[in-house]
Amino acid sequence: MGDKGKKDKGKREEQKKSQQSPKEKRKQKKDKKKSIWATGG
């Protein structure tokens, strides 16, 4: 049972990392710039 918990934690950590991958960060930056342009900033 303890092993399963460890695995679960690892999965959660992986998800956190995958959530903010370099590609995603770049996409977010682009989106932010786009939104700024959209608002006429």
PDB file of N, CA and C in Angstrom:
ATOM      1  N   MET A   1       0.844  -1.196   0.000  1.00  0.00           N
ATOM      2  CA  MET A   1       0.000   0.000   0.000  1.00  0.00           C
ATOM      3  C   MET A   1       0.887   1.257   0.000  1.00  0.00           C
ATOM      4  N   GLY A   2       1.938   1.230   0.808  1.00  0.00           N
ATOM      5  CA  GLY A   2       2.811   2.401   0.838  1.00  0.00           C
ATOM      6  C   GLY A   2       3.424   2.643  -0.533  1.00  0.00           C
ATOM      7  N   ASP A   3       3.742   1.549  -1.230  1.00  0.00           N
ATOM      8  CA  ASP A   3       4.338   1.695  -2.557  1.00  0.00           C
ATOM      9  C   ASP A   3       3.386   2.448  -3.487  1.00  0.00           C
ATOM     10  N   LYS A   4       2.118   2.080  -3.393  1.00  0.00           N
ATOM     11  CA  LYS A   4       1.126   2.731  -4.264  1.00  0.00           C
ATOM     12  C   LYS A   4       1.110   4.237  -3.987  1.00  0.00           C
ATOM     13  N   GLY A   5       1.167   4.599  -2.719  1.00  0.00           N
ATOM     14  CA  GLY A   5       1.156   6.019  -2.367  1.00  0.00           C
ATOM     15  C   GLY A   5       2.341   6.730  -3.001  1.00  0.00           C
ATOM     16  N   LYS A   6       3.500   6.083  -2.927  1.00  0.00           N
ATOM     17  CA  LYS A   6       4.705   6.686  -3.515  1.00  0.00           C
ATOM     18  C   LYS A   6       4.488   6.894  -5.014  1.00  0.00           C
ATOM     19  N   LYS A   7       3.963   5.867  -5.666  1.00  0.00           N
ATOM     20  CA  LYS A   7       3.725   5.966  -7.115  1.00  0.00           C
ATOM     21  C   LYS A   7       2.773   7.113  -7.407  1.00  0.00           C
ATOM     22  N   ASP A   8       1.733   7.207  -6.605  1.00  0.00           N
ATOM     23  CA  ASP A   8       0.733   8.258  -6.802  1.00  0.00           C
ATOM     24  C   ASP A   8       1.401   9.632  -6.715  1.00  0.00           C
ATOM     25  N   LYS A   9       2.262   9.787  -5.711  1.00  0.00           N
ATOM     26  CA  LYS A   9       2.932  11.076  -5.519  1.00  0.00           C
ATOM     27  C   LYS A   9       3.770  11.392  -6.762  1.00  0.00           C
ATOM     28  N   GLY A  10       4.487  10.383  -7.255  1.00  0.00           N
ATOM     29  CA  GLY A  10       5.314  10.586  -8.439  1.00  0.00           C
ATOM     30  C   GLY A  10       4.454  11.033  -9.607  1.00  0.00           C
ATOM     31  N   LYS A  11       3.303  10.397  -9.762  1.00  0.00           N
ATOM     32  CA  LYS A  11       2.397  10.770 -10.859  1.00  0.00           C
ATOM     33  C   LYS A  11       1.981  12.222 -10.706  1.00  0.00           C
ATOM     34  N   ARG A  12       1.621  12.584  -9.487  1.00  0.00           N
ATOM     35  CA  ARG A  12       1.149  13.954  -9.249  1.00  0.00           C
ATOM     36  C   ARG A  12       2.269  14.947  -9.610  1.00  0.00           C
ATOM     37  N   GLU A  13       3.497  14.627  -9.177  1.00  0.00           N
ATOM     38  CA  GLU A  13       4.629  15.524  -9.464  1.00  0.00           C
ATOM     39  C   GLU A  13       4.805  15.651 -10.974  1.00  0.00           C
ATOM     40  N   GLU A  14       4.692  14.531 -11.672  1.00  0.00           N
ATOM     41  CA  GLU A  14       4.847  14.555 -13.129  1.00  0.00           C
ATOM     42  C   GLU A  14       3.790  15.456 -13.747  1.00  0.00           C
ATOM     43  N   GLN A  15       2.565  15.326 -13.268  1.00  0.00           N
ATOM     44  CA  GLN A  15       1.479  16.152 -13.809  1.00  0.00           C
ATOM     45  C   GLN A  15       1.791  17.628 -13.602  1.00  0.00           C
ATOM     46  N   LYS A  16       2.284  17.957 -12.420  1.00  0.00           N
ATOM     47  CA  LYS A  16       2.604  19.359 -12.117  1.00  0.00           C
ATOM     48  C   LYS A  16       3.650  19.855 -13.122  1.00  0.00           C
ATOM     49  N   LYS A  17       4.679  19.028 -13.342  1.00  0.00           N
ATOM     50  CA  LYS A  17       5.751  19.411 -14.272  1.00  0.00           C
ATOM     51  C   LYS A  17       5.187  19.571 -15.682  1.00  0.00           C
ATOM     52  N   SER A  18       4.399  18.586 -16.108  1.00  0.00           N
ATOM     53  CA  SER A  18       3.872  18.628 -17.473  1.00  0.00           C
ATOM     54  C   SER A  18       2.945  19.829 -17.648  1.00  0.00           C
ATOM     55  N   GLN A  19       2.335  20.278 -16.556  1.00  0.00           N
ATOM     56  CA  GLN A  19       1.422  21.412 -16.657  1.00  0.00           C
ATOM     57  C   GLN A  19       2.186  22.663 -17.103  1.00  0.00           C
ATOM     58  N   GLN A  20       3.412  22.812 -16.614  1.00  0.00           N
ATOM     59  CA  GLN A  20       4.176  24.035 -16.912  1.00  0.00           C
ATOM     60  C   GLN A  20       5.448  23.665 -17.681  1.00  0.00           C
ATOM     61  N   SER A  21       5.289  22.931 -18.783  1.00  0.00           N
ATOM     62  CA  SER A  21       6.450  22.571 -19.591  1.00  0.00           C
ATOM     63  C   SER A  21       6.929  23.785 -20.380  1.00  0.00           C
ATOM     64  N   PRO A  22       8.178  23.787 -20.801  1.00  0.00           N
ATOM     65  CA  PRO A  22       8.716  24.939 -21.563  1.00  0.00           C
ATOM     66  C   PRO A  22       7.809  25.330 -22.714  1.00  0.00           C
ATOM     67  N   LYS A  23       7.270  24.326 -23.414  1.00  0.00           N
ATOM     68  CA  LYS A  23       6.376  24.619 -24.546  1.00  0.00           C
ATOM     69  C   LYS A  23       5.165  25.402 -24.057  1.00  0.00           C
ATOM     70  N   GLU A  24       4.582  24.939 -22.961  1.00  0.00           N
ATOM     71  CA  GLU A  24       3.395  25.618 -22.411  1.00  0.00           C
ATOM     72  C   GLU A  24       3.745  27.046 -22.032  1.00  0.00           C
ATOM     73  N   LYS A  25       4.898  27.217 -21.399  1.00  0.00           N
ATOM     74  CA  LYS A  25       5.318  28.563 -20.974  1.00  0.00           C
ATOM     75  C   LYS A  25       5.391  29.482 -22.187  1.00  0.00           C
ATOM     76  N   ARG A  26       6.024  28.968 -23.263  1.00  0.00           N
ATOM     77  CA  ARG A  26       6.156  29.780 -24.470  1.00  0.00           C
ATOM     78  C   ARG A  26       4.768  30.135 -25.002  1.00  0.00           C
ATOM     79  N   LYS A  27       3.883  29.141 -24.989  1.00  0.00           N
ATOM     80  CA  LYS A  27       2.515  29.365 -25.488  1.00  0.00           C
ATOM     81  C   LYS A  27       1.837  30.444 -24.642  1.00  0.00           C
ATOM     82  N   GLN A  28       2.002  30.351 -23.333  1.00  0.00           N
ATOM     83  CA  GLN A  28       1.378  31.336 -22.443  1.00  0.00           C
ATOM     84  C   GLN A  28       1.903  32.728 -22.771  1.00  0.00           C
ATOM     85  N   LYS A  29       3.212  32.842 -22.959  1.00  0.00           N
ATOM     86  CA  LYS A  29       3.805  34.147 -23.277  1.00  0.00           C
ATOM     87  C   LYS A  29       3.178  34.691 -24.554  1.00  0.00           C
ATOM     88  N   LYS A  30       3.072  33.830 -25.566  1.00  0.00           N
ATOM     89  CA  LYS A  30       2.489  34.251 -26.843  1.00  0.00           C
ATOM     90  C   LYS A  30       1.057  34.710 -26.619  1.00  0.00           C
ATOM     91  N   ASP A  31       0.308  33.910 -25.849  1.00  0.00           N
ATOM     92  CA  ASP A  31      -1.096  34.254 -25.577  1.00  0.00           C
ATOM     93  C   ASP A  31      -1.177  35.600 -24.870  1.00  0.00           C
ATOM     94  N   LYS A  32      -0.291  35.818 -23.916  1.00  0.00           N
ATOM     95  CA  LYS A  32      -0.308  37.085 -23.167  1.00  0.00           C
ATOM     96  C   LYS A  32      -0.084  38.246 -24.136  1.00  0.00           C
ATOM     97  N   LYS A  33       0.934  38.098 -24.985  1.00  0.00           N
ATOM     98  CA  LYS A  33       1.233  39.153 -25.964  1.00  0.00           C
ATOM     99  C   LYS A  33       0.016  39.380 -26.852  1.00  0.00           C
ATOM    100  N   LYS A  34      -0.588  38.274 -27.288  1.00  0.00           N
ATOM    101  CA  LYS A  34      -1.766  38.369 -28.162  1.00  0.00           C
ATOM    102  C   LYS A  34      -2.867  39.152 -27.458  1.00  0.00           C
ATOM    103  N   SER A  35      -3.113  38.795 -26.208  1.00  0.00           N
ATOM    104  CA  SER A  35      -4.196  39.469 -25.466  1.00  0.00           C
ATOM    105  C   SER A  35      -3.871  40.957 -25.324  1.00  0.00           C
ATOM    106  N   ILE A  36      -2.614  41.283 -25.122  1.00  0.00           N
ATOM    107  CA  ILE A  36      -2.228  42.701 -24.992  1.00  0.00           C
ATOM    108  C   ILE A  36      -2.527  43.411 -26.311  1.00  0.00           C
ATOM    109  N   TRP A  37      -2.159  42.758 -27.415  1.00  0.00           N
ATOM    110  CA  TRP A  37      -2.414  43.379 -28.724  1.00  0.00           C
ATOM    111  C   TRP A  37      -3.918  43.501 -28.935  1.00  0.00           C
ATOM    112  N   ALA A  38      -4.657  42.489 -28.500  1.00  0.00           N
ATOM    113  CA  ALA A  38      -6.116  42.493 -28.698  1.00  0.00           C
ATOM    114  C   ALA A  38      -6.744  43.670 -27.957  1.00  0.00           C
ATOM    115  N   THR A  39      -6.216  43.986 -26.776  1.00  0.00           N
ATOM    116  CA  THR A  39      -6.800  45.090 -26.004  1.00  0.00           C
ATOM    117  C   THR A  39      -6.277  46.431 -26.504  1.00  0.00           C
ATOM    118  N   GLY A  40      -5.392  46.410 -27.492  1.00  0.00           N
ATOM    119  CA  GLY A  40      -4.882  47.666 -28.044  1.00  0.00           C
ATOM    120  C   GLY A  40      -3.796  48.263 -27.171  1.00  0.00           C
ATOM    121  N   GLY A  41      -3.115  47.442 -26.374  1.00  0.00           N
ATOM    122  CA  GLY A  41      -2.065  47.976 -25.506  1.00  0.00           C
ATOM    123  C   GLY A  41      -0.830  48.275 -26.321  1.00  0.00           C
TER     124      GLY A  41
END
